[in-house]
Amino acid sequence: MSGGHQTLTLLLFGAVVVVTLAVTNVAARRRHRRGSPEEFYAGGRFFTPLENGFAIVGGHISAPAFLGMAGLVALYGYDGMLWTVGFLVAWVLVLLVVEQVRNCGRFTLADVVAARVRERPVRIALGCSSVTVSVLYLVAQLVGAGSLVALLLGSHGGAARTWTVLVMGALMLFSVVFGGMRAVTWIQIVKAVLLLGGGLVLSVLVLLRFGGDLTALLTSAAEHSGHGEDFLVPGLLHGNAGWASRLDFLSLGLALVLGTAGLPHILARFSTVPTAGAARRSVMWTIGLVGSFCLMSLILGTGAAALVDTDTLHGSGPAGSTAVPLLSAALGGGADSAGGAALVAVVAAVAFAATLAVVAGVTLAASASVAHDLSASLARRGRGRAAARRVPARRSEFPTAESQGAEARSGRRGEVAVARVAAVGVGALAVGVSLLARELNVVFLVGLAFSVAASANLPVLLYALFWRRFTTRGAVWSVYGGLLSAVTLVALSPVVSGSPQALFPGRNFVCFPLENPGLVSIPLGFLAGWLGTLLSRGSAEAVRYAETEVRSLTGARAV
């Protein structure tokens, strides 16, 4: 990009920053019940299903998804289209559990599971798992955003990536700490509107180039892709590879489809609406919006294959992350034209906003896991031991209703304070790791985050909702079994050692042939929960299951 074009891009980045600061400021002033967990974690539960649906889309579709999915379609045709289908299918599982999660939960996944098993060990286990998923996801988004923005600005050095990560981290922490869920939600809504609106405009421009004829678009894409008719049939990306590559594709796809229902920042969005019915309608809106996004990704990917020079497109990298910017330049009249530069700048700004919305939601979910699950569980245990040691000597020392209410309010305010500190800590950790590991494989990090969510969080969620005999030991074993198996298998995979692209290229301790552990770690998570339940006595938990079942289906006593 030329200097003038870079200036336009930076101006649009500045506009995104100004909008983020303004939204956070307005949200901070309009908060209800300031200092309450309901306000900080759930935005007061005042959002409508349509608003929440847009916010879910804004918090789920990141810049790598926005540019990467269209890029895969542009490079690999039919095989790239499979990823867009999987991206949409993942929400079917979410739709099956959304009402039960909203009725049983309060703010986090641990609230759902703790409704029917012993609270403290499960909260600690799920808190550790959720923080792990969140940090992995944050690092992936920040590293990917830094590389992507540097590429769109035409910078090959590290300064652009460093400043992108720092600015995004600062905005992320500002919106979470001062605005809470209310600010994060409106940032996600604005980003979703920009994303879908920008994608719609580019899709319409592509279709106009071909007179609205989809057959002509596909035919031209196949002719100019360099693959001919093979572009429209399976096999370009996975069919010609060995068995390990095919199993890797299956493993990553399984993690992406099943892991969505276990992502902490997705589950947290269900607590922002007043009822379970509203949560279900939110997911219905999300499915429609994600479906529209996937359709636009198909149009943009085939449009890039048809309109962008083949050598330029394939030279952009194996993921095709620049396919949409290159297509935007072509639609605007060329990279050196004012129209092309303007469209590329808009795409860059949308990608920046997309990542900002995602990392803000993930940071808030991580802070909720630390404060509401980990810190609160340890604090309650400490207060319980102190109360057991202290015996009131006089009647005046016994707690009154007023003193208990004041203590409860103080505890809630203290939890929110811990959540804000946790947000700063998690955000600072993610930014620091992102700056030190700018060359990490983003696809690997995203896949690992989804694998941990599918291996540790999803089994315990499904068991808690639908298995009467499920016990505390089964829950703890399921979480730690899925978490440890996923991390261990990745440590022994070609991603870490044994190849020039590995984290430690000079070492070779590969024992697991796949780069993504989901195909093995997800069944191990379910198996550990089943085995732990069989090896424990669960009569008390079975009794609580009846209460949980009534609550999950009717909403009785739902918060």
Protein backbone atom coordinates (compact mmCIF):
# COMPACT_ATOMS: atom_id res chain seq x y z
CA MET A 1 0.00 0.00 0.00
CA SER A 2 1.17 3.54 -0.77
CA GLY A 3 1.61 6.21 1.87
CA GLY A 4 -1.75 7.81 1.11
CA HIS A 5 -3.53 4.48 1.29
CA GLN A 6 -1.86 3.65 4.58
CA THR A 7 -3.00 7.03 5.92
CA LEU A 8 -6.60 6.22 5.00
CA THR A 9 -6.32 2.86 6.74
CA LEU A 10 -4.88 4.45 9.88
CA LEU A 11 -7.67 7.03 9.89
CA LEU A 12 -10.26 4.26 9.81
CA PHE A 13 -8.40 2.47 12.61
CA GLY A 14 -8.60 5.71 14.56
CA ALA A 15 -12.34 5.85 13.94
CA VAL A 16 -12.70 2.34 15.37
CA VAL A 17 -10.73 3.40 18.44
CA VAL A 18 -12.89 6.50 18.95
CA VAL A 19 -16.12 4.50 18.61
CA THR A 20 -14.83 1.93 21.12
CA LEU A 21 -13.98 4.61 23.66
CA ALA A 22 -17.33 6.35 23.15
CA VAL A 23 -19.34 3.14 23.53
CA THR A 24 -17.46 2.23 26.71
CA ASN A 25 -18.00 5.70 28.16
CA VAL A 26 -21.74 5.67 27.45
CA ALA A 27 -22.11 2.12 28.80
CA ALA A 28 -20.24 2.98 31.99
CA ARG A 29 -22.59 5.91 32.65
CA ARG A 30 -25.80 3.98 31.99
CA ARG A 31 -25.07 0.95 34.12
CA HIS A 32 -27.78 -0.23 36.49
CA ARG A 33 -26.94 -1.64 39.93
CA ARG A 34 -23.35 -0.48 39.67
CA GLY A 35 -20.87 -2.80 41.28
CA SER A 36 -23.15 -5.86 41.08
CA PRO A 37 -22.05 -9.08 39.38
CA GLU A 38 -25.27 -9.07 37.33
CA GLU A 39 -24.27 -5.76 35.78
CA PHE A 40 -20.59 -6.53 35.23
CA TYR A 41 -20.94 -10.13 33.98
CA ALA A 42 -24.38 -9.99 32.30
CA GLY A 43 -25.09 -6.33 31.53
CA GLY A 44 -28.13 -6.39 33.81
CA ARG A 45 -29.80 -9.06 31.60
CA PHE A 46 -31.58 -6.31 29.63
CA PHE A 47 -30.58 -7.25 26.08
CA THR A 48 -33.15 -8.41 23.53
CA PRO A 49 -32.70 -11.62 21.51
CA LEU A 50 -31.88 -9.63 18.37
CA GLU A 51 -29.26 -7.55 20.17
CA ASN A 52 -27.78 -10.64 21.77
CA GLY A 53 -27.76 -12.49 18.45
CA PHE A 54 -25.74 -9.71 16.83
CA ALA A 55 -23.44 -9.62 19.87
CA ILE A 56 -22.82 -13.38 19.66
CA VAL A 57 -21.85 -13.00 16.01
CA GLY A 58 -19.59 -10.07 16.89
CA GLY A 59 -17.95 -12.06 19.67
CA HIS A 60 -17.47 -15.22 17.62
CA ILE A 61 -16.41 -14.20 14.12
CA SER A 62 -12.86 -12.91 14.36
CA ALA A 63 -10.59 -11.39 11.74
CA PRO A 64 -8.93 -14.75 10.89
CA ALA A 65 -12.41 -16.23 10.34
CA PHE A 66 -13.57 -13.22 8.33
CA LEU A 67 -10.57 -13.33 5.98
CA GLY A 68 -9.47 -16.93 6.37
CA MET A 69 -12.70 -18.66 5.39
CA ALA A 70 -13.00 -16.73 2.12
CA GLY A 71 -9.29 -17.33 1.54
CA LEU A 72 -9.67 -21.09 1.87
CA VAL A 73 -12.54 -21.04 -0.62
CA ALA A 74 -10.46 -18.95 -3.04
CA LEU A 75 -7.49 -21.33 -2.85
CA TYR A 76 -9.14 -24.73 -2.49
CA GLY A 77 -12.68 -24.38 -3.78
CA TYR A 78 -14.94 -27.17 -2.56
CA ASP A 79 -12.67 -28.18 0.32
CA GLY A 80 -12.64 -24.58 1.54
CA MET A 81 -16.43 -24.52 1.39
CA LEU A 82 -16.52 -27.42 3.87
CA TRP A 83 -15.07 -25.13 6.54
CA THR A 84 -17.91 -22.64 6.11
CA VAL A 85 -20.45 -25.45 6.51
CA GLY A 86 -18.75 -26.69 9.68
CA PHE A 87 -18.69 -23.14 11.04
CA LEU A 88 -22.50 -23.06 10.75
CA VAL A 89 -23.21 -26.64 11.88
CA ALA A 90 -21.50 -25.96 15.22
CA TRP A 91 -24.47 -23.81 16.27
CA VAL A 92 -26.92 -26.71 16.01
CA LEU A 93 -25.40 -28.26 19.14
CA VAL A 94 -25.51 -24.89 20.89
CA LEU A 95 -29.22 -24.62 20.07
CA LEU A 96 -29.87 -27.99 21.76
CA VAL A 97 -28.49 -26.88 25.14
CA VAL A 98 -29.03 -23.12 25.23
CA GLU A 99 -32.28 -23.12 27.24
CA GLN A 100 -30.99 -25.57 29.84
CA VAL A 101 -27.78 -23.57 30.22
CA ARG A 102 -29.70 -20.33 30.69
CA ASN A 103 -32.08 -21.84 33.25
CA CYS A 104 -29.39 -23.59 35.29
CA GLY A 105 -26.56 -21.12 34.94
CA ARG A 106 -25.92 -17.68 36.29
CA PHE A 107 -22.72 -16.34 34.75
CA THR A 108 -20.35 -19.21 33.94
CA LEU A 109 -20.33 -22.85 32.89
CA ALA A 110 -19.42 -23.85 36.44
CA ASP A 111 -22.79 -22.46 37.62
CA VAL A 112 -24.58 -25.00 35.42
CA VAL A 113 -22.59 -28.01 36.61
CA ALA A 114 -22.48 -26.93 40.26
CA ALA A 115 -26.28 -26.95 40.36
CA ARG A 116 -26.21 -30.73 40.80
CA VAL A 117 -22.77 -31.74 42.17
CA ARG A 118 -20.45 -30.52 44.92
CA GLU A 119 -19.59 -26.95 44.14
CA ARG A 120 -16.00 -26.22 45.11
CA PRO A 121 -14.01 -28.94 43.26
CA VAL A 122 -16.07 -28.48 40.10
CA ARG A 123 -15.69 -24.69 40.12
CA ILE A 124 -11.93 -24.97 40.53
CA ALA A 125 -11.64 -27.53 37.72
CA LEU A 126 -13.85 -25.60 35.29
CA GLY A 127 -12.23 -22.33 36.28
CA CYS A 128 -8.82 -23.70 35.30
CA SER A 129 -10.18 -25.12 32.06
CA SER A 130 -12.02 -21.93 31.09
CA VAL A 131 -9.02 -19.71 31.80
CA THR A 132 -6.82 -22.02 29.71
CA VAL A 133 -9.22 -21.87 26.77
CA SER A 134 -9.55 -18.09 27.08
CA VAL A 135 -5.80 -17.40 27.20
CA LEU A 136 -5.12 -19.66 24.21
CA TYR A 137 -7.91 -17.96 22.27
CA LEU A 138 -6.71 -14.49 23.23
CA VAL A 139 -3.13 -15.16 22.18
CA ALA A 140 -4.30 -16.59 18.86
CA GLN A 141 -6.47 -13.55 18.14
CA LEU A 142 -3.83 -11.00 19.13
CA VAL A 143 -1.03 -12.71 17.19
CA GLY A 144 -3.28 -13.12 14.16
CA ALA A 145 -4.47 -9.53 14.31
CA GLY A 146 -0.93 -8.18 14.58
CA SER A 147 0.26 -10.16 11.56
CA LEU A 148 -2.85 -9.35 9.56
CA VAL A 149 -2.80 -5.61 10.17
CA ALA A 150 0.92 -5.47 9.38
CA LEU A 151 0.22 -7.28 6.12
CA LEU A 152 -2.65 -4.97 5.19
CA LEU A 153 -0.49 -1.93 5.93
CA GLY A 154 2.26 -3.31 3.76
CA SER A 155 4.71 -3.52 6.66
CA HIS A 156 7.03 -6.50 6.91
CA GLY A 157 8.70 -5.46 10.16
CA GLY A 158 7.61 -6.09 13.72
CA ALA A 159 6.71 -2.52 14.67
CA ALA A 160 3.22 -2.62 13.11
CA ARG A 161 2.44 -5.95 14.76
CA THR A 162 3.71 -4.77 18.13
CA TRP A 163 1.68 -1.56 18.07
CA THR A 164 -1.42 -3.40 16.88
CA VAL A 165 -1.22 -5.85 19.79
CA LEU A 166 -0.57 -3.08 22.32
CA VAL A 167 -3.38 -0.82 21.07
CA MET A 168 -5.82 -3.70 20.88
CA GLY A 169 -4.84 -4.90 24.35
CA ALA A 170 -5.31 -1.43 25.84
CA LEU A 171 -8.74 -0.99 24.22
CA MET A 172 -9.73 -4.49 25.29
CA LEU A 173 -8.88 -3.86 28.94
CA PHE A 174 -10.47 -0.40 28.94
CA SER A 175 -13.79 -1.67 27.62
CA VAL A 176 -13.90 -4.65 30.00
CA VAL A 177 -12.73 -2.95 33.19
CA PHE A 178 -14.80 0.22 32.88
CA GLY A 179 -17.76 -0.91 30.79
CA GLY A 180 -18.26 -4.56 31.71
CA MET A 181 -20.66 -6.69 29.71
CA ARG A 182 -22.76 -3.73 28.65
CA ALA A 183 -19.86 -2.04 26.83
CA VAL A 184 -18.56 -5.32 25.43
CA THR A 185 -22.00 -6.19 24.05
CA TRP A 186 -22.46 -2.91 22.20
CA ILE A 187 -18.92 -3.09 20.81
CA GLN A 188 -19.74 -6.56 19.51
CA ILE A 189 -23.03 -5.36 18.01
CA VAL A 190 -21.34 -2.48 16.20
CA LYS A 191 -18.65 -4.81 14.92
CA ALA A 192 -21.21 -7.37 13.70
CA VAL A 193 -23.07 -4.67 11.78
CA LEU A 194 -19.82 -3.48 10.20
CA LEU A 195 -18.75 -7.03 9.37
CA LEU A 196 -22.03 -8.13 7.84
CA GLY A 197 -22.57 -4.80 6.12
CA GLY A 198 -19.08 -4.80 4.59
CA GLY A 199 -19.43 -8.41 3.51
CA LEU A 200 -22.80 -7.68 1.93
CA VAL A 201 -21.45 -4.72 -0.05
CA LEU A 202 -18.50 -6.73 -1.37
CA SER A 203 -20.76 -9.70 -2.20
CA VAL A 204 -23.15 -7.50 -4.15
CA LEU A 205 -20.24 -5.98 -6.09
CA VAL A 206 -18.99 -9.48 -6.96
CA LEU A 207 -22.43 -10.61 -8.14
CA LEU A 208 -22.85 -7.44 -10.21
CA ARG A 209 -19.61 -8.30 -12.04
CA PHE A 210 -21.29 -11.50 -13.21
CA GLY A 211 -24.79 -10.14 -13.73
CA GLY A 212 -26.10 -12.00 -10.71
CA ASP A 213 -25.39 -15.36 -12.37
CA LEU A 214 -23.96 -17.75 -9.77
CA THR A 215 -23.22 -20.37 -12.43
CA ALA A 216 -21.06 -17.88 -14.32
CA LEU A 217 -19.28 -16.96 -11.07
CA LEU A 218 -18.45 -20.59 -10.25
CA THR A 219 -17.38 -21.35 -13.81
CA SER A 220 -15.08 -18.34 -13.94
CA ALA A 221 -13.63 -19.18 -10.53
CA ALA A 222 -12.81 -22.71 -11.67
CA GLU A 223 -11.22 -21.47 -14.90
CA HIS A 224 -9.03 -18.85 -13.23
CA SER A 225 -8.14 -20.85 -10.11
CA GLY A 226 -5.45 -22.89 -11.84
CA HIS A 227 -7.20 -26.14 -10.87
CA GLY A 228 -9.89 -26.32 -13.53
CA GLU A 229 -12.87 -28.54 -12.71
CA ASP A 230 -11.05 -29.91 -9.66
CA PHE A 231 -11.82 -26.58 -7.98
CA LEU A 232 -15.48 -27.58 -7.68
CA VAL A 233 -14.96 -31.14 -6.41
CA PRO A 234 -13.40 -32.52 -3.18
CA GLY A 235 -9.71 -33.25 -2.93
CA LEU A 236 -7.64 -30.10 -3.40
CA LEU A 237 -6.84 -29.55 0.28
CA HIS A 238 -7.17 -32.97 1.91
CA GLY A 239 -7.88 -35.63 -0.65
CA ASN A 240 -4.36 -35.99 -2.03
CA ALA A 241 -2.61 -35.99 1.33
CA GLY A 242 -1.69 -38.98 3.47
CA TRP A 243 -3.76 -40.58 6.19
CA ALA A 244 -2.29 -38.35 8.91
CA SER A 245 -3.39 -35.20 7.08
CA ARG A 246 -6.89 -36.56 6.58
CA LEU A 247 -7.19 -37.51 10.23
CA ASP A 248 -5.88 -34.06 11.17
CA PHE A 249 -8.62 -32.46 9.10
CA LEU A 250 -11.22 -34.65 10.78
CA SER A 251 -9.75 -33.93 14.22
CA LEU A 252 -9.72 -30.15 13.73
CA GLY A 253 -13.21 -30.17 12.22
CA LEU A 254 -14.55 -32.19 15.14
CA ALA A 255 -13.00 -29.76 17.62
CA LEU A 256 -14.41 -26.72 15.83
CA VAL A 257 -17.93 -28.18 15.62
CA LEU A 258 -18.09 -29.52 19.18
CA GLY A 259 -15.93 -26.90 20.85
CA THR A 260 -18.23 -23.96 20.12
CA ALA A 261 -20.71 -25.15 22.74
CA GLY A 262 -17.90 -25.24 25.32
CA LEU A 263 -16.34 -21.82 24.72
CA PRO A 264 -16.67 -19.70 27.89
CA HIS A 265 -17.33 -16.42 26.06
CA ILE A 266 -20.16 -18.03 24.04
CA LEU A 267 -21.83 -19.55 27.11
CA ALA A 268 -21.51 -16.21 28.93
CA ARG A 269 -23.72 -14.51 26.34
CA PHE A 270 -26.74 -16.61 27.36
CA SER A 271 -26.84 -14.88 30.75
CA THR A 272 -27.33 -11.44 29.18
CA VAL A 273 -30.99 -12.03 28.28
CA PRO A 274 -33.86 -12.25 30.79
CA THR A 275 -35.26 -15.72 29.99
CA ALA A 276 -34.39 -19.07 28.44
CA GLY A 277 -36.80 -18.38 25.59
CA ALA A 278 -34.92 -15.18 24.82
CA ALA A 279 -31.64 -17.12 24.86
CA ARG A 280 -33.05 -19.64 22.37
CA ARG A 281 -34.25 -16.85 20.09
CA SER A 282 -30.79 -15.30 20.37
CA VAL A 283 -29.24 -18.47 18.99
CA MET A 284 -31.85 -18.58 16.20
CA TRP A 285 -30.84 -15.06 15.21
CA THR A 286 -27.19 -16.13 15.45
CA ILE A 287 -27.74 -19.11 13.14
CA GLY A 288 -29.38 -16.85 10.57
CA LEU A 289 -26.63 -14.24 10.78
CA VAL A 290 -23.80 -16.80 10.75
CA GLY A 291 -25.47 -18.51 7.80
CA SER A 292 -25.52 -15.18 5.96
CA PHE A 293 -21.85 -14.68 6.79
CA CYS A 294 -20.97 -18.15 5.49
CA LEU A 295 -22.88 -17.49 2.27
CA MET A 296 -21.02 -14.22 1.80
CA SER A 297 -17.72 -16.01 2.46
CA LEU A 298 -18.51 -18.42 -0.36
CA ILE A 299 -19.29 -15.54 -2.73
CA LEU A 300 -16.18 -13.60 -1.73
CA GLY A 301 -13.94 -16.67 -1.99
CA THR A 302 -15.16 -17.67 -5.44
CA GLY A 303 -15.05 -14.00 -6.46
CA ALA A 304 -11.41 -13.78 -5.43
CA ALA A 305 -10.61 -16.93 -7.41
CA ALA A 306 -12.35 -15.47 -10.46
CA LEU A 307 -11.13 -11.86 -10.36
CA VAL A 308 -7.68 -11.90 -8.71
CA ASP A 309 -4.54 -12.96 -10.54
CA THR A 310 -3.80 -16.60 -9.76
CA ASP A 311 -0.11 -16.15 -8.98
CA THR A 312 -0.84 -13.19 -6.70
CA LEU A 313 -3.55 -15.10 -4.87
CA HIS A 314 -1.51 -18.26 -4.34
CA GLY A 315 1.54 -16.22 -3.37
CA SER A 316 -0.32 -14.69 -0.43
CA GLY A 317 0.17 -17.81 1.71
CA PRO A 318 -1.42 -21.21 2.34
CA ALA A 319 -4.35 -19.71 4.28
CA GLY A 320 -5.22 -17.06 1.69
CA SER A 321 -5.69 -14.34 4.31
CA THR A 322 -5.24 -11.59 1.72
CA ALA A 323 -7.86 -12.94 -0.69
CA VAL A 324 -10.55 -10.49 0.48
CA PRO A 325 -8.25 -7.41 0.44
CA LEU A 326 -7.01 -8.39 -3.04
CA LEU A 327 -10.61 -8.86 -4.18
CA SER A 328 -11.55 -5.48 -2.69
CA ALA A 329 -8.77 -3.79 -4.63
CA ALA A 330 -9.89 -5.49 -7.84
CA LEU A 331 -13.53 -4.49 -7.31
CA GLY A 332 -12.53 -0.89 -6.62
CA GLY A 333 -10.56 -0.51 -9.84
CA GLY A 334 -7.11 -1.73 -8.84
CA ALA A 335 -4.70 -1.41 -5.94
CA ASP A 336 -3.49 2.00 -7.13
CA SER A 337 -6.96 3.47 -7.58
CA ALA A 338 -8.83 5.52 -5.01
CA GLY A 339 -11.76 3.09 -4.99
CA GLY A 340 -9.54 0.06 -4.50
CA ALA A 341 -7.58 1.74 -1.71
CA ALA A 342 -10.80 2.76 0.02
CA LEU A 343 -12.25 -0.76 -0.06
CA VAL A 344 -8.99 -2.28 1.20
CA ALA A 345 -8.88 0.26 4.03
CA VAL A 346 -12.46 -0.59 5.00
CA VAL A 347 -11.61 -4.31 5.05
CA ALA A 348 -8.59 -3.63 7.27
CA ALA A 349 -10.66 -1.53 9.68
CA VAL A 350 -13.40 -4.19 9.85
CA ALA A 351 -10.76 -6.86 10.58
CA PHE A 352 -9.34 -4.69 13.38
CA ALA A 353 -12.81 -4.12 14.87
CA ALA A 354 -13.63 -7.81 14.54
CA THR A 355 -10.65 -8.91 16.59
CA LEU A 356 -11.22 -6.19 19.18
CA ALA A 357 -14.80 -7.35 19.78
CA VAL A 358 -13.73 -10.97 20.12
CA VAL A 359 -10.86 -10.37 22.55
CA ALA A 360 -13.02 -8.13 24.74
CA GLY A 361 -15.63 -10.86 25.14
CA VAL A 362 -13.03 -13.54 25.83
CA THR A 363 -11.28 -11.38 28.43
CA LEU A 364 -14.54 -10.73 30.26
CA ALA A 365 -15.36 -14.46 30.29
CA ALA A 366 -11.90 -15.26 31.65
CA SER A 367 -12.23 -12.66 34.40
CA ALA A 368 -15.61 -14.14 35.37
CA SER A 369 -14.04 -17.61 35.66
CA VAL A 370 -11.27 -16.28 37.89
CA ALA A 371 -13.45 -14.15 40.17
CA HIS A 372 -16.74 -16.06 40.23
CA ASP A 373 -15.34 -19.60 40.19
CA LEU A 374 -11.74 -19.76 41.39
CA SER A 375 -11.42 -16.80 43.77
CA ALA A 376 -14.95 -17.01 45.16
CA SER A 377 -14.62 -20.75 45.88
CA LEU A 378 -11.38 -20.27 47.78
CA ALA A 379 -12.77 -17.24 49.64
CA ARG A 380 -15.91 -19.10 50.71
CA ARG A 381 -13.81 -21.94 52.06
CA GLY A 382 -11.69 -19.49 54.04
CA ARG A 383 -14.74 -17.71 55.48
CA GLY A 384 -16.32 -21.05 56.37
CA ARG A 385 -13.26 -22.13 58.36
CA ALA A 386 -13.07 -18.77 60.13
CA ALA A 387 -16.76 -18.92 61.06
CA ALA A 388 -16.35 -22.45 62.38
CA ARG A 389 -13.51 -21.36 64.67
CA ARG A 390 -15.36 -18.30 65.96
CA VAL A 391 -18.23 -18.92 68.41
CA PRO A 392 -20.34 -15.86 69.41
CA ALA A 393 -19.98 -15.10 73.13
CA ARG A 394 -23.04 -12.81 73.44
CA ARG A 395 -26.39 -12.49 71.73
CA SER A 396 -25.30 -9.16 70.24
CA GLU A 397 -22.56 -10.95 68.35
CA PHE A 398 -25.00 -13.13 66.40
CA PRO A 399 -25.46 -11.86 62.82
CA THR A 400 -28.71 -10.02 62.04
CA ALA A 401 -30.57 -9.93 58.72
CA GLU A 402 -29.30 -6.41 58.09
CA SER A 403 -25.69 -7.33 58.77
CA GLN A 404 -25.94 -10.44 56.61
CA GLY A 405 -27.41 -8.39 53.75
CA ALA A 406 -24.66 -5.79 54.04
CA GLU A 407 -22.05 -8.53 54.08
CA ALA A 408 -23.57 -10.11 50.96
CA ARG A 409 -23.55 -6.78 49.11
CA SER A 410 -19.97 -6.18 50.15
CA GLY A 411 -19.04 -9.66 48.94
CA ARG A 412 -20.63 -9.02 45.55
CA ARG A 413 -18.80 -5.72 45.15
CA GLY A 414 -15.59 -7.44 46.18
CA GLU A 415 -16.14 -10.14 43.53
CA VAL A 416 -16.53 -7.49 40.82
CA ALA A 417 -13.34 -5.80 42.01
CA VAL A 418 -11.53 -9.14 41.76
CA ALA A 419 -12.99 -9.62 38.27
CA ARG A 420 -11.61 -6.26 37.13
CA VAL A 421 -8.16 -7.11 38.50
CA ALA A 422 -8.39 -10.54 36.87
CA ALA A 423 -9.26 -8.94 33.53
CA VAL A 424 -6.13 -6.80 33.74
CA GLY A 425 -4.03 -9.83 34.67
CA VAL A 426 -5.40 -12.09 31.94
CA GLY A 427 -5.17 -9.33 29.36
CA ALA A 428 -1.60 -8.44 30.30
CA LEU A 429 -0.60 -12.12 30.17
CA ALA A 430 -2.16 -12.55 26.72
CA VAL A 431 -0.53 -9.38 25.37
CA GLY A 432 2.88 -10.37 26.77
CA VAL A 433 2.72 -13.87 25.31
CA SER A 434 1.53 -12.46 21.98
CA LEU A 435 4.49 -10.11 21.76
CA LEU A 436 6.96 -12.87 22.61
CA ALA A 437 5.40 -15.43 20.27
CA ARG A 438 4.57 -13.41 17.17
CA GLU A 439 5.63 -16.26 14.90
CA LEU A 440 3.33 -18.86 16.46
CA ASN A 441 0.94 -20.76 14.21
CA VAL A 442 -2.42 -19.06 14.78
CA VAL A 443 -4.39 -21.99 13.33
CA PHE A 444 -2.71 -24.30 15.83
CA LEU A 445 -3.60 -22.03 18.77
CA VAL A 446 -7.23 -21.66 17.71
CA GLY A 447 -7.51 -25.41 17.14
CA LEU A 448 -6.02 -26.12 20.57
CA ALA A 449 -8.45 -23.71 22.26
CA PHE A 450 -11.42 -25.40 20.57
CA SER A 451 -9.99 -28.84 21.39
CA VAL A 452 -9.73 -28.02 25.10
CA ALA A 453 -13.26 -26.59 25.08
CA ALA A 454 -14.61 -29.71 23.35
CA SER A 455 -12.57 -32.13 25.48
CA ALA A 456 -12.93 -30.59 28.95
CA ASN A 457 -15.99 -28.31 28.95
CA LEU A 458 -18.45 -30.00 26.62
CA PRO A 459 -18.46 -33.51 28.22
CA VAL A 460 -19.09 -32.18 31.72
CA LEU A 461 -21.84 -29.88 30.42
CA LEU A 462 -23.69 -32.66 28.59
CA TYR A 463 -23.26 -35.14 31.44
CA ALA A 464 -24.54 -32.62 34.01
CA LEU A 465 -27.63 -31.81 31.96
CA PHE A 466 -28.62 -35.26 30.70
CA TRP A 467 -27.08 -38.04 32.87
CA ARG A 468 -28.87 -38.80 36.12
CA ARG A 469 -26.02 -40.79 37.68
CA PHE A 470 -23.35 -38.17 37.05
CA THR A 471 -21.27 -37.42 40.16
CA THR A 472 -18.76 -34.91 41.45
CA ARG A 473 -15.87 -37.26 40.82
CA GLY A 474 -17.09 -37.82 37.27
CA ALA A 475 -17.24 -34.05 36.69
CA VAL A 476 -13.73 -33.43 38.01
CA TRP A 477 -12.26 -36.37 36.12
CA SER A 478 -13.99 -35.29 32.92
CA VAL A 479 -12.62 -31.74 33.06
CA TYR A 480 -9.06 -32.62 34.02
CA GLY A 481 -9.02 -35.69 31.76
CA GLY A 482 -9.99 -33.68 28.69
CA LEU A 483 -7.75 -30.73 29.57
CA LEU A 484 -4.62 -32.73 30.35
CA SER A 485 -5.03 -35.14 27.42
CA ALA A 486 -5.41 -32.26 24.93
CA VAL A 487 -2.37 -30.37 26.24
CA THR A 488 -0.23 -33.52 26.55
CA LEU A 489 -1.03 -34.76 23.04
CA VAL A 490 -0.16 -31.38 21.57
CA ALA A 491 3.16 -31.35 23.48
CA LEU A 492 3.99 -34.70 21.86
CA SER A 493 2.78 -33.69 18.38
CA PRO A 494 4.69 -32.37 15.31
CA VAL A 495 3.57 -28.86 16.25
CA VAL A 496 6.07 -28.73 19.12
CA SER A 497 9.04 -30.70 17.74
CA GLY A 498 10.28 -32.77 14.85
CA SER A 499 9.88 -30.31 11.94
CA PRO A 500 11.36 -26.98 10.79
CA GLN A 501 8.02 -25.25 11.49
CA ALA A 502 7.74 -26.63 15.04
CA LEU A 503 8.11 -24.58 18.21
CA PHE A 504 11.37 -26.42 18.93
CA PRO A 505 12.73 -27.30 15.47
CA GLY A 506 15.98 -28.68 16.85
CA ARG A 507 14.31 -31.31 19.03
CA ASN A 508 12.31 -34.41 18.16
CA PHE A 509 10.13 -36.08 20.79
CA VAL A 510 7.07 -36.67 18.60
CA CYS A 511 4.90 -39.52 19.87
CA PHE A 512 1.51 -38.38 18.53
CA PRO A 513 1.26 -38.00 14.72
CA LEU A 514 -1.63 -35.50 14.55
CA GLU A 515 -1.28 -31.76 14.98
CA ASN A 516 -4.75 -31.42 16.50
CA PRO A 517 -5.64 -33.65 19.47
CA GLY A 518 -9.45 -33.45 19.27
CA LEU A 519 -9.98 -36.84 17.67
CA VAL A 520 -8.43 -38.51 20.74
CA SER A 521 -8.84 -35.98 23.58
CA ILE A 522 -12.59 -35.46 23.11
CA PRO A 523 -13.43 -39.19 23.58
CA LEU A 524 -10.99 -39.26 26.51
CA GLY A 525 -12.87 -36.39 28.17
CA PHE A 526 -16.16 -38.29 27.89
CA LEU A 527 -14.51 -41.56 28.98
CA ALA A 528 -12.94 -39.96 32.07
CA GLY A 529 -16.32 -38.56 33.17
CA TRP A 530 -18.01 -41.92 32.66
CA LEU A 531 -15.29 -43.82 34.52
CA GLY A 532 -15.18 -41.36 37.40
CA THR A 533 -18.93 -41.65 37.83
CA LEU A 534 -18.86 -45.45 37.87
CA LEU A 535 -16.15 -45.44 40.54
CA SER A 536 -18.07 -43.17 42.92
CA ARG A 537 -21.32 -43.23 44.82
CA GLY A 538 -23.74 -40.72 43.43
CA SER A 539 -26.96 -41.07 45.41
CA ALA A 540 -26.93 -37.44 46.56
CA GLU A 541 -26.13 -36.20 43.08
CA ALA A 542 -28.93 -38.35 41.62
CA VAL A 543 -31.40 -36.66 43.94
CA ARG A 544 -30.16 -33.23 42.91
CA TYR A 545 -30.50 -34.22 39.26
CA ALA A 546 -34.28 -34.26 39.61
CA GLU A 547 -34.19 -30.68 40.87
CA THR A 548 -31.80 -29.65 38.11
CA GLU A 549 -33.95 -31.33 35.46
CA VAL A 550 -37.06 -29.46 36.57
CA ARG A 551 -35.14 -26.21 36.71
CA SER A 552 -33.52 -26.69 33.30
CA LEU A 553 -36.81 -27.52 31.57
CA THR A 554 -39.16 -25.08 33.31
CA GLY A 555 -36.93 -22.23 34.40
CA ALA A 556 -38.10 -22.52 38.01
CA ARG A 557 -35.75 -20.60 40.33
CA ALA A 558 -33.73 -19.44 37.32
CA VAL A 559 -31.80 -16.23 37.95
